[in-house]
């Protein structure tokens, strides 16, 4: 049976975690206040951060940085900034604008 919580990140009622995913007091807060959907969004951002910044999870400083980013993202509403990353919709935009300048050719038969 799933549990419903008020998700701090989504600002609405949503399905809560099945179990505590993170250790300590912060883990308890995440369990009580962060929904499955919000956690999945964080995991996506976390993966991007680890890959783009080449973070090593064996390095305590890197883990601390990731935890700070997680708290900012989940509880303070701050998006994760990844230097040099361009979202897919921003990459496609200019191409679509150029394509709009090309007029379709009609063939009369």
PDB file of N, CA and C in Angstrom:
ATOM      1  N   UNK A   1       0.847  -1.181   0.000  1.00  0.00           N
ATOM      2  CA  UNK A   1       0.000   0.000   0.000  1.00  0.00           C
ATOM      3  C   UNK A   1       0.891   1.243   0.000  1.00  0.00           C
ATOM      4  N   UNK A   2       0.631   2.158  -0.900  1.00  0.00           N
ATOM      5  CA  UNK A   2       1.452   3.365  -0.983  1.00  0.00           C
ATOM      6  C   UNK A   2       0.996   4.389   0.055  1.00  0.00           C
ATOM      7  N   UNK A   3       1.915   5.258   0.402  1.00  0.00           N
ATOM      8  CA  UNK A   3       1.574   6.313   1.349  1.00  0.00           C
ATOM      9  C   UNK A   3       1.572   7.641   0.615  1.00  0.00           C
ATOM     10  N   UNK A   4       0.703   8.516   1.016  1.00  0.00           N
ATOM     11  CA  UNK A   4       0.598   9.835   0.414  1.00  0.00           C
ATOM     12  C   UNK A   4       1.189  10.849   1.378  1.00  0.00           C
ATOM     13  N   UNK A   5       2.005  11.731   0.816  1.00  0.00           N
ATOM     14  CA  UNK A   5       2.624  12.793   1.605  1.00  0.00           C
ATOM     15  C   UNK A   5       2.385  14.121   0.902  1.00  0.00           C
ATOM     16  N   UNK A   6       2.608  15.221   1.612  1.00  0.00           N
ATOM     17  CA  UNK A   6       2.649  16.519   0.947  1.00  0.00           C
ATOM     18  C   UNK A   6       4.099  16.719   0.545  1.00  0.00           C
ATOM     19  N   UNK A   7       4.357  16.740  -0.762  1.00  0.00           N
ATOM     20  CA  UNK A   7       5.723  16.855  -1.276  1.00  0.00           C
ATOM     21  C   UNK A   7       6.160  18.318  -1.257  1.00  0.00           C
ATOM     22  N   UNK A   8       7.237  18.585  -0.538  1.00  0.00           N
ATOM     23  CA  UNK A   8       7.784  19.935  -0.439  1.00  0.00           C
ATOM     24  C   UNK A   8       8.227  20.446  -1.804  1.00  0.00           C
ATOM     25  N   UNK A   9       8.808  19.576  -2.624  1.00  0.00           N
ATOM     26  CA  UNK A   9       9.311  19.976  -3.937  1.00  0.00           C
ATOM     27  C   UNK A   9       8.164  20.284  -4.902  1.00  0.00           C
ATOM     28  N   UNK A  10       7.197  19.387  -4.996  1.00  0.00           N
ATOM     29  CA  UNK A  10       6.085  19.556  -5.939  1.00  0.00           C
ATOM     30  C   UNK A  10       4.987  20.474  -5.412  1.00  0.00           C
ATOM     31  N   UNK A  11       4.984  20.708  -4.102  1.00  0.00           N
ATOM     32  CA  UNK A  11       3.966  21.533  -3.445  1.00  0.00           C
ATOM     33  C   UNK A  11       2.554  20.984  -3.649  1.00  0.00           C
ATOM     34  N   UNK A  12       2.450  19.647  -3.527  1.00  0.00           N
ATOM     35  CA  UNK A  12       1.141  18.995  -3.621  1.00  0.00           C
ATOM     36  C   UNK A  12       1.241  17.603  -3.002  1.00  0.00           C
ATOM     37  N   UNK A  13       0.090  17.006  -2.758  1.00  0.00           N
ATOM     38  CA  UNK A  13       0.066  15.628  -2.276  1.00  0.00           C
ATOM     39  C   UNK A  13       0.540  14.700  -3.386  1.00  0.00           C
ATOM     40  N   UNK A  14       1.362  13.728  -3.004  1.00  0.00           N
ATOM     41  CA  UNK A  14       1.902  12.787  -3.984  1.00  0.00           C
ATOM     42  C   UNK A  14       2.315  11.503  -3.265  1.00  0.00           C
ATOM     43  N   UNK A  15       2.611  10.486  -4.053  1.00  0.00           N
ATOM     44  CA  UNK A  15       3.013   9.201  -3.482  1.00  0.00           C
ATOM     45  C   UNK A  15       4.392   9.315  -2.842  1.00  0.00           C
ATOM     46  N   UNK A  16       4.476   8.892  -1.585  1.00  0.00           N
ATOM     47  CA  UNK A  16       5.733   8.955  -0.843  1.00  0.00           C
ATOM     48  C   UNK A  16       6.640   7.771  -1.128  1.00  0.00           C
ATOM     49  N   UNK A  17       7.871   7.867  -0.645  1.00  0.00           N
ATOM     50  CA  UNK A  17       8.852   6.792  -0.790  1.00  0.00           C
ATOM     51  C   UNK A  17       8.383   5.550  -0.038  1.00  0.00           C
ATOM     52  N   UNK A  18       8.828   4.389  -0.488  1.00  0.00           N
ATOM     53  CA  UNK A  18       8.492   3.138   0.188  1.00  0.00           C
ATOM     54  C   UNK A  18       9.356   2.921   1.429  1.00  0.00           C
ATOM     55  N   UNK A  19      10.552   3.493   1.404  1.00  0.00           N
ATOM     56  CA  UNK A  19      11.477   3.365   2.528  1.00  0.00           C
ATOM     57  C   UNK A  19      12.461   4.527   2.478  1.00  0.00           C
ATOM     58  N   UNK A  20      13.232   4.701   3.545  1.00  0.00           N
ATOM     59  CA  UNK A  20      14.192   5.805   3.623  1.00  0.00           C
ATOM     60  C   UNK A  20      15.347   5.529   2.668  1.00  0.00           C
ATOM     61  N   UNK A  21      15.575   6.434   1.725  1.00  0.00           N
ATOM     62  CA  UNK A  21      16.569   6.248   0.672  1.00  0.00           C
ATOM     63  C   UNK A  21      17.929   6.860   0.991  1.00  0.00           C
ATOM     64  N   UNK A  22      17.983   7.693   2.002  1.00  0.00           N
ATOM     65  CA  UNK A  22      19.201   8.441   2.314  1.00  0.00           C
ATOM     66  C   UNK A  22      19.419   8.351   3.822  1.00  0.00           C
ATOM     67  N   UNK A  23      20.654   8.286   4.278  1.00  0.00           N
ATOM     68  CA  UNK A  23      20.896   8.101   5.716  1.00  0.00           C
ATOM     69  C   UNK A  23      20.661   9.359   6.556  1.00  0.00           C
ATOM     70  N   UNK A  24      20.540   9.160   7.845  1.00  0.00           N
ATOM     71  CA  UNK A  24      20.521  10.253   8.813  1.00  0.00           C
ATOM     72  C   UNK A  24      19.245  11.069   8.839  1.00  0.00           C
ATOM     73  N   UNK A  25      19.368  12.229   9.495  1.00  0.00           N
ATOM     74  CA  UNK A  25      18.226  13.140   9.636  1.00  0.00           C
ATOM     75  C   UNK A  25      17.744  13.649   8.279  1.00  0.00           C
ATOM     76  N   UNK A  26      18.691  13.922   7.384  1.00  0.00           N
ATOM     77  CA  UNK A  26      18.303  14.373   6.043  1.00  0.00           C
ATOM     78  C   UNK A  26      17.492  13.283   5.339  1.00  0.00           C
ATOM     79  N   UNK A  27      17.894  12.042   5.517  1.00  0.00           N
ATOM     80  CA  UNK A  27      17.153  10.925   4.938  1.00  0.00           C
ATOM     81  C   UNK A  27      15.736  10.836   5.472  1.00  0.00           C
ATOM     82  N   UNK A  28      15.571  11.093   6.768  1.00  0.00           N
ATOM     83  CA  UNK A  28      14.229  11.088   7.359  1.00  0.00           C
ATOM     84  C   UNK A  28      13.385  12.211   6.770  1.00  0.00           C
ATOM     85  N   UNK A  29      14.015  13.368   6.578  1.00  0.00           N
ATOM     86  CA  UNK A  29      13.292  14.507   5.999  1.00  0.00           C
ATOM     87  C   UNK A  29      12.867  14.193   4.560  1.00  0.00           C
ATOM     88  N   UNK A  30      13.769  13.599   3.796  1.00  0.00           N
ATOM     89  CA  UNK A  30      13.446  13.220   2.418  1.00  0.00           C
ATOM     90  C   UNK A  30      12.295  12.217   2.412  1.00  0.00           C
ATOM     91  N   UNK A  31      12.362  11.226   3.279  1.00  0.00           N
ATOM     92  CA  UNK A  31      11.312  10.202   3.365  1.00  0.00           C
ATOM     93  C   UNK A  31       9.954  10.828   3.676  1.00  0.00           C
ATOM     94  N   UNK A  32       9.939  11.810   4.557  1.00  0.00           N
ATOM     95  CA  UNK A  32       8.681  12.421   4.998  1.00  0.00           C
ATOM     96  C   UNK A  32       8.164  13.520   4.076  1.00  0.00           C
ATOM     97  N   UNK A  33       9.051  14.158   3.298  1.00  0.00           N
ATOM     98  CA  UNK A  33       8.649  15.351   2.548  1.00  0.00           C
ATOM     99  C   UNK A  33       8.835  15.284   1.038  1.00  0.00           C
ATOM    100  N   UNK A  34       9.507  14.254   0.519  1.00  0.00           N
ATOM    101  CA  UNK A  34       9.820  14.208  -0.918  1.00  0.00           C
ATOM    102  C   UNK A  34       9.153  12.989  -1.553  1.00  0.00           C
ATOM    103  N   UNK A  35       8.391  13.228  -2.606  1.00  0.00           N
ATOM    104  CA  UNK A  35       7.648  12.161  -3.284  1.00  0.00           C
ATOM    105  C   UNK A  35       8.558  11.331  -4.189  1.00  0.00           C
ATOM    106  N   UNK A  36       8.010  10.216  -4.644  1.00  0.00           N
ATOM    107  CA  UNK A  36       8.745   9.368  -5.591  1.00  0.00           C
ATOM    108  C   UNK A  36       9.070  10.138  -6.869  1.00  0.00           C
ATOM    109  N   UNK A  37       8.103  10.909  -7.359  1.00  0.00           N
ATOM    110  CA  UNK A  37       8.305  11.676  -8.589  1.00  0.00           C
ATOM    111  C   UNK A  37       9.409  12.720  -8.415  1.00  0.00           C
ATOM    112  N   UNK A  38       9.384  13.441  -7.309  1.00  0.00           N
ATOM    113  CA  UNK A  38      10.409  14.453  -7.053  1.00  0.00           C
ATOM    114  C   UNK A  38      11.779  13.797  -6.906  1.00  0.00           C
ATOM    115  N   UNK A  39      11.828  12.643  -6.250  1.00  0.00           N
ATOM    116  CA  UNK A  39      13.101  11.938  -6.077  1.00  0.00           C
ATOM    117  C   UNK A  39      13.637  11.481  -7.432  1.00  0.00           C
ATOM    118  N   UNK A  40      12.762  11.020  -8.318  1.00  0.00           N
ATOM    119  CA  UNK A  40      13.181  10.605  -9.662  1.00  0.00           C
ATOM    120  C   UNK A  40      13.751  11.794 -10.436  1.00  0.00           C
ATOM    121  N   UNK A  41      13.134  12.971 -10.279  1.00  0.00           N
ATOM    122  CA  UNK A  41      13.659  14.172 -10.933  1.00  0.00           C
ATOM    123  C   UNK A  41      15.046  14.502 -10.391  1.00  0.00           C
ATOM    124  N   UNK A  42      15.216  14.364  -9.066  1.00  0.00           N
ATOM    125  CA  UNK A  42      16.532  14.621  -8.477  1.00  0.00           C
ATOM    126  C   UNK A  42      17.557  13.615  -9.004  1.00  0.00           C
ATOM    127  N   UNK A  43      17.201  12.351  -9.109  1.00  0.00           N
ATOM    128  CA  UNK A  43      18.141  11.341  -9.588  1.00  0.00           C
ATOM    129  C   UNK A  43      18.629  11.666 -10.997  1.00  0.00           C
ATOM    130  N   UNK A  44      17.737  12.178 -11.830  1.00  0.00           N
ATOM    131  CA  UNK A  44      18.129  12.584 -13.187  1.00  0.00           C
ATOM    132  C   UNK A  44      19.164  13.713 -13.119  1.00  0.00           C
ATOM    133  N   UNK A  45      18.882  14.736 -12.308  1.00  0.00           N
ATOM    134  CA  UNK A  45      19.813  15.863 -12.156  1.00  0.00           C
ATOM    135  C   UNK A  45      21.126  15.392 -11.541  1.00  0.00           C
ATOM    136  N   UNK A  46      21.038  14.490 -10.556  1.00  0.00           N
ATOM    137  CA  UNK A  46      22.231  13.973  -9.893  1.00  0.00           C
ATOM    138  C   UNK A  46      23.144  13.269 -10.890  1.00  0.00           C
ATOM    139  N   UNK A  47      22.561  12.458 -11.756  1.00  0.00           N
ATOM    140  CA  UNK A  47      23.341  11.748 -12.770  1.00  0.00           C
ATOM    141  C   UNK A  47      24.040  12.736 -13.692  1.00  0.00           C
ATOM    142  N   UNK A  48      23.327  13.776 -14.094  1.00  0.00           N
ATOM    143  CA  UNK A  48      23.927  14.802 -14.948  1.00  0.00           C
ATOM    144  C   UNK A  48      25.087  15.481 -14.232  1.00  0.00           C
ATOM    145  N   UNK A  49      24.888  15.828 -12.966  1.00  0.00           N
ATOM    146  CA  UNK A  49      25.949  16.478 -12.192  1.00  0.00           C
ATOM    147  C   UNK A  49      27.189  15.595 -12.093  1.00  0.00           C
ATOM    148  N   UNK A  50      26.986  14.342 -11.744  1.00  0.00           N
ATOM    149  CA  UNK A  50      28.116  13.418 -11.598  1.00  0.00           C
ATOM    150  C   UNK A  50      28.864  13.295 -12.915  1.00  0.00           C
ATOM    151  N   UNK A  51      28.139  13.145 -14.007  1.00  0.00           N
ATOM    152  CA  UNK A  51      28.780  12.964 -15.310  1.00  0.00           C
ATOM    153  C   UNK A  51      29.456  14.233 -15.810  1.00  0.00           C
ATOM    154  N   UNK A  52      28.747  15.347 -15.797  1.00  0.00           N
ATOM    155  CA  UNK A  52      29.278  16.581 -16.378  1.00  0.00           C
ATOM    156  C   UNK A  52      30.414  17.181 -15.549  1.00  0.00           C
ATOM    157  N   UNK A  53      30.323  17.057 -14.228  1.00  0.00           N
ATOM    158  CA  UNK A  53      31.379  17.604 -13.365  1.00  0.00           C
ATOM    159  C   UNK A  53      32.429  16.557 -13.017  1.00  0.00           C
ATOM    160  N   UNK A  54      32.246  15.350 -13.555  1.00  0.00           N
ATOM    161  CA  UNK A  54      33.178  14.245 -13.329  1.00  0.00           C
ATOM    162  C   UNK A  54      33.427  14.020 -11.835  1.00  0.00           C
ATOM    163  N   UNK A  55      32.318  13.934 -11.087  1.00  0.00           N
ATOM    164  CA  UNK A  55      32.412  13.739  -9.644  1.00  0.00           C
ATOM    165  C   UNK A  55      32.750  12.283  -9.328  1.00  0.00           C
ATOM    166  N   UNK A  56      33.554  12.110  -8.286  1.00  0.00           N
ATOM    167  CA  UNK A  56      33.957  10.792  -7.813  1.00  0.00           C
ATOM    168  C   UNK A  56      33.300  10.574  -6.459  1.00  0.00           C
ATOM    169  N   UNK A  57      32.406   9.610  -6.373  1.00  0.00           N
ATOM    170  CA  UNK A  57      31.674   9.394  -5.128  1.00  0.00           C
ATOM    171  C   UNK A  57      32.538   8.806  -4.015  1.00  0.00           C
ATOM    172  N   UNK A  58      33.780   8.470  -4.310  1.00  0.00           N
ATOM    173  CA  UNK A  58      34.722   8.061  -3.263  1.00  0.00           C
ATOM    174  C   UNK A  58      35.338   9.292  -2.591  1.00  0.00           C
ATOM    175  N   UNK A  59      35.205  10.450  -3.222  1.00  0.00           N
ATOM    176  CA  UNK A  59      35.763  11.706  -2.718  1.00  0.00           C
ATOM    177  C   UNK A  59      34.730  12.383  -1.815  1.00  0.00           C
ATOM    178  N   UNK A  60      35.100  12.593  -0.544  1.00  0.00           N
ATOM    179  CA  UNK A  60      34.173  13.176   0.440  1.00  0.00           C
ATOM    180  C   UNK A  60      33.712  14.573   0.028  1.00  0.00           C
ATOM    181  N   UNK A  61      34.592  15.370  -0.569  1.00  0.00           N
ATOM    182  CA  UNK A  61      34.220  16.721  -1.009  1.00  0.00           C
ATOM    183  C   UNK A  61      33.176  16.659  -2.116  1.00  0.00           C
ATOM    184  N   UNK A  62      33.330  15.714  -3.021  1.00  0.00           N
ATOM    185  CA  UNK A  62      32.359  15.563  -4.106  1.00  0.00           C
ATOM    186  C   UNK A  62      31.004  15.125  -3.562  1.00  0.00           C
ATOM    187  N   UNK A  63      31.012  14.216  -2.586  1.00  0.00           N
ATOM    188  CA  UNK A  63      29.749  13.780  -1.974  1.00  0.00           C
ATOM    189  C   UNK A  63      29.072  14.938  -1.254  1.00  0.00           C
ATOM    190  N   UNK A  64      29.868  15.770  -0.585  1.00  0.00           N
ATOM    191  CA  UNK A  64      29.317  16.928   0.126  1.00  0.00           C
ATOM    192  C   UNK A  64      28.695  17.911  -0.869  1.00  0.00           C
ATOM    193  N   UNK A  65      29.381  18.163  -1.983  1.00  0.00           N
ATOM    194  CA  UNK A  65      28.856  19.045  -3.029  1.00  0.00           C
ATOM    195  C   UNK A  65      27.528  18.509  -3.557  1.00  0.00           C
ATOM    196  N   UNK A  66      27.477  17.217  -3.815  1.00  0.00           N
ATOM    197  CA  UNK A  66      26.256  16.606  -4.333  1.00  0.00           C
ATOM    198  C   UNK A  66      25.117  16.717  -3.321  1.00  0.00           C
ATOM    199  N   UNK A  67      25.428  16.529  -2.047  1.00  0.00           N
ATOM    200  CA  UNK A  67      24.400  16.654  -1.012  1.00  0.00           C
ATOM    201  C   UNK A  67      23.884  18.089  -0.930  1.00  0.00           C
ATOM    202  N   UNK A  68      24.779  19.067  -1.045  1.00  0.00           N
ATOM    203  CA  UNK A  68      24.356  20.473  -1.026  1.00  0.00           C
ATOM    204  C   UNK A  68      23.443  20.774  -2.207  1.00  0.00           C
ATOM    205  N   UNK A  69      23.794  20.271  -3.370  1.00  0.00           N
ATOM    206  CA  UNK A  69      22.961  20.466  -4.565  1.00  0.00           C
ATOM    207  C   UNK A  69      21.599  19.797  -4.382  1.00  0.00           C
ATOM    208  N   UNK A  70      21.591  18.623  -3.753  1.00  0.00           N
ATOM    209  CA  UNK A  70      20.343  17.899  -3.520  1.00  0.00           C
ATOM    210  C   UNK A  70      19.416  18.696  -2.609  1.00  0.00           C
ATOM    211  N   UNK A  71      19.947  19.216  -1.516  1.00  0.00           N
ATOM    212  CA  UNK A  71      19.140  20.003  -0.578  1.00  0.00           C
ATOM    213  C   UNK A  71      18.608  21.252  -1.273  1.00  0.00           C
ATOM    214  N   UNK A  72      19.462  21.929  -2.038  1.00  0.00           N
ATOM    215  CA  UNK A  72      19.032  23.133  -2.765  1.00  0.00           C
ATOM    216  C   UNK A  72      17.918  22.808  -3.752  1.00  0.00           C
ATOM    217  N   UNK A  73      18.051  21.695  -4.452  1.00  0.00           N
ATOM    218  CA  UNK A  73      17.073  21.296  -5.460  1.00  0.00           C
ATOM    219  C   UNK A  73      15.752  20.870  -4.829  1.00  0.00           C
ATOM    220  N   UNK A  74      15.811  19.984  -3.851  1.00  0.00           N
ATOM    221  CA  UNK A  74      14.589  19.405  -3.287  1.00  0.00           C
ATOM    222  C   UNK A  74      13.851  20.324  -2.323  1.00  0.00           C
ATOM    223  N   UNK A  75      14.592  21.108  -1.534  1.00  0.00           N
ATOM    224  CA  UNK A  75      13.952  21.866  -0.461  1.00  0.00           C
ATOM    225  C   UNK A  75      13.955  23.380  -0.655  1.00  0.00           C
ATOM    226  N   UNK A  76      14.845  23.885  -1.508  1.00  0.00           N
ATOM    227  CA  UNK A  76      14.943  25.337  -1.684  1.00  0.00           C
ATOM    228  C   UNK A  76      14.474  25.791  -3.058  1.00  0.00           C
ATOM    229  N   UNK A  77      14.064  24.856  -3.906  1.00  0.00           N
ATOM    230  CA  UNK A  77      13.529  25.197  -5.221  1.00  0.00           C
ATOM    231  C   UNK A  77      14.552  25.719  -6.212  1.00  0.00           C
ATOM    232  N   UNK A  78      15.829  25.447  -5.966  1.00  0.00           N
ATOM    233  CA  UNK A  78      16.878  25.914  -6.879  1.00  0.00           C
ATOM    234  C   UNK A  78      17.190  24.821  -7.891  1.00  0.00           C
ATOM    235  N   UNK A  79      17.196  25.195  -9.162  1.00  0.00           N
ATOM    236  CA  UNK A  79      17.528  24.218 -10.189  1.00  0.00           C
ATOM    237  C   UNK A  79      19.030  23.987 -10.195  1.00  0.00           C
ATOM    238  N   UNK A  80      19.424  22.846 -10.681  1.00  0.00           N
ATOM    239  CA  UNK A  80      20.831  22.488 -10.763  1.00  0.00           C
ATOM    240  C   UNK A  80      21.414  23.147 -12.006  1.00  0.00           C
ATOM    241  N   UNK A  81      22.495  23.906 -11.823  1.00  0.00           N
ATOM    242  CA  UNK A  81      23.163  24.542 -12.961  1.00  0.00           C
ATOM    243  C   UNK A  81      24.373  23.697 -13.342  1.00  0.00           C
ATOM    244  N   UNK A  82      24.387  23.271 -14.583  1.00  0.00           N
ATOM    245  CA  UNK A  82      25.504  22.484 -15.077  1.00  0.00           C
ATOM    246  C   UNK A  82      26.142  23.274 -16.209  1.00  0.00           C
ATOM    247  N   UNK A  83      27.321  23.809 -15.938  1.00  0.00           N
ATOM    248  CA  UNK A  83      28.018  24.659 -16.901  1.00  0.00           C
ATOM    249  C   UNK A  83      28.269  23.899 -18.197  1.00  0.00           C
ATOM    250  N   UNK A  84      27.919  24.523 -19.305  1.00  0.00           N
ATOM    251  CA  UNK A  84      28.149  23.930 -20.606  1.00  0.00           C
ATOM    252  C   UNK A  84      27.025  23.034 -21.100  1.00  0.00           C
ATOM    253  N   UNK A  85      26.033  22.750 -20.254  1.00  0.00           N
ATOM    254  CA  UNK A  85      24.926  21.887 -20.663  1.00  0.00           C
ATOM    255  C   UNK A  85      23.847  22.714 -21.343  1.00  0.00           C
ATOM    256  N   UNK A  86      23.393  22.246 -22.497  1.00  0.00           N
ATOM    257  CA  UNK A  86      22.295  22.883 -23.210  1.00  0.00           C
ATOM    258  C   UNK A  86      21.162  21.876 -23.332  1.00  0.00           C
ATOM    259  N   UNK A  87      19.991  22.205 -22.790  1.00  0.00           N
ATOM    260  CA  UNK A  87      18.860  21.275 -22.900  1.00  0.00           C
ATOM    261  C   UNK A  87      18.523  20.981 -24.355  1.00  0.00           C
ATOM    262  N   UNK A  88      17.986  19.794 -24.611  1.00  0.00           N
ATOM    263  CA  UNK A  88      17.663  19.368 -25.973  1.00  0.00           C
ATOM    264  C   UNK A  88      16.754  20.353 -26.696  1.00  0.00           C
ATOM    265  N   UNK A  89      15.750  20.901 -26.014  1.00  0.00           N
ATOM    266  CA  UNK A  89      14.830  21.818 -26.690  1.00  0.00           C
ATOM    267  C   UNK A  89      15.533  23.095 -27.130  1.00  0.00           C
ATOM    268  N   UNK A  90      16.594  23.493 -26.442  1.00  0.00           N
ATOM    269  CA  UNK A  90      17.354  24.684 -26.836  1.00  0.00           C
ATOM    270  C   UNK A  90      18.250  24.378 -28.031  1.00  0.00           C
ATOM    271  N   UNK A  91      18.728  23.127 -28.138  1.00  0.00           N
ATOM    272  CA  UNK A  91      19.583  22.740 -29.259  1.00  0.00           C
ATOM    273  C   UNK A  91      18.777  22.687 -30.554  1.00  0.00           C
ATOM    274  N   UNK A  92      17.550  22.221 -30.474  1.00  0.00           N
ATOM    275  CA  UNK A  92      16.724  22.026 -31.661  1.00  0.00           C
ATOM    276  C   UNK A  92      16.122  23.338 -32.145  1.00  0.00           C
ATOM    277  N   UNK A  93      15.856  24.253 -31.234  1.00  0.00           N
ATOM    278  CA  UNK A  93      15.183  25.501 -31.560  1.00  0.00           C
ATOM    279  C   UNK A  93      15.717  26.224 -32.779  1.00  0.00           C
ATOM    280  N   UNK A  94      17.023  26.553 -32.850  1.00  0.00           N
ATOM    281  CA  UNK A  94      17.540  27.280 -34.011  1.00  0.00           C
ATOM    282  C   UNK A  94      17.351  26.510 -35.313  1.00  0.00           C
ATOM    283  N   UNK A  95      17.458  25.191 -35.276  1.00  0.00           N
ATOM    284  CA  UNK A  95      17.266  24.406 -36.490  1.00  0.00           C
ATOM    285  C   UNK A  95      15.828  24.503 -36.977  1.00  0.00           C
ATOM    286  N   UNK A  96      14.897  24.487 -36.053  1.00  0.00           N
ATOM    287  CA  UNK A  96      13.494  24.617 -36.439  1.00  0.00           C
ATOM    288  C   UNK A  96      13.228  25.983 -37.053  1.00  0.00           C
ATOM    289  N   UNK A  97      13.844  27.017 -36.507  1.00  0.00           N
ATOM    290  CA  UNK A  97      13.649  28.358 -37.054  1.00  0.00           C
ATOM    291  C   UNK A  97      14.200  28.457 -38.468  1.00  0.00           C
ATOM    292  N   UNK A  98      15.360  27.861 -38.717  1.00  0.00           N
ATOM    293  CA  UNK A  98      15.928  27.882 -40.062  1.00  0.00           C
ATOM    294  C   UNK A  98      15.055  27.073 -41.018  1.00  0.00           C
ATOM    295  N   UNK A  99      14.552  25.949 -40.551  1.00  0.00           N
ATOM    296  CA  UNK A  99      13.709  25.107 -41.400  1.00  0.00           C
ATOM    297  C   UNK A  99      12.423  25.830 -41.780  1.00  0.00           C
ATOM    298  N   UNK A 100      11.945  26.692 -40.919  1.00  0.00           N
ATOM    299  CA  UNK A 100      10.712  27.422 -41.198  1.00  0.00           C
ATOM    300  C   UNK A 100      10.895  28.395 -42.358  1.00  0.00           C
ATOM    301  N   UNK A 101      12.134  28.781 -42.657  1.00  0.00           N
ATOM    302  CA  UNK A 101      12.406  29.706 -43.755  1.00  0.00           C
ATOM    303  C   UNK A 101      12.333  29.013 -45.116  1.00  0.00           C
ATOM    304  N   UNK A 102      12.428  27.717 -45.135  1.00  0.00           N
ATOM    305  CA  UNK A 102      12.389  26.966 -46.385  1.00  0.00           C
ATOM    306  C   UNK A 102      10.929  26.739 -46.770  1.00  0.00           C
ATOM    307  N   UNK A 103      10.593  27.177 -47.964  1.00  0.00           N
ATOM    308  CA  UNK A 103       9.211  27.019 -48.409  1.00  0.00           C
ATOM    309  C   UNK A 103       9.027  25.643 -49.033  1.00  0.00           C
ATOM    310  N   UNK A 104       7.909  25.008 -48.748  1.00  0.00           N
ATOM    311  CA  UNK A 104       7.662  23.699 -49.360  1.00  0.00           C
ATOM    312  C   UNK A 104       7.443  23.848 -50.862  1.00  0.00           C
ATOM    313  N   UNK A 105       7.875  22.870 -51.587  1.00  0.00           N
ATOM    314  CA  UNK A 105       7.708  22.852 -53.036  1.00  0.00           C
ATOM    315  C   UNK A 105       6.443  22.072 -53.346  1.00  0.00           C
ATOM    316  N   UNK A 106       5.590  22.652 -54.194  1.00  0.00           N
ATOM    317  CA  UNK A 106       4.393  21.900 -54.577  1.00  0.00           C
ATOM    318  C   UNK A 106       4.574  21.427 -56.011  1.00  0.00           C
ATOM    319  N   UNK A 107       4.178  20.240 -56.225  1.00  0.00           N
ATOM    320  CA  UNK A 107       4.280  19.653 -57.552  1.00  0.00           C
ATOM    321  C   UNK A 107       2.879  19.527 -58.140  1.00  0.00           C
ATOM    322  N   UNK A 108       2.675  20.165 -59.263  1.00  0.00           N
ATOM    323  CA  UNK A 108       1.373  20.057 -59.930  1.00  0.00           C
ATOM    324  C   UNK A 108       1.459  18.896 -60.915  1.00  0.00           C
ATOM    325  N   UNK A 109       0.501  18.036 -60.900  1.00  0.00           N
ATOM    326  CA  UNK A 109       0.584  16.833 -61.717  1.00  0.00           C
ATOM    327  C   UNK A 109      -0.340  16.730 -62.810  1.00  0.00           C
TER     328      UNK A 109
END
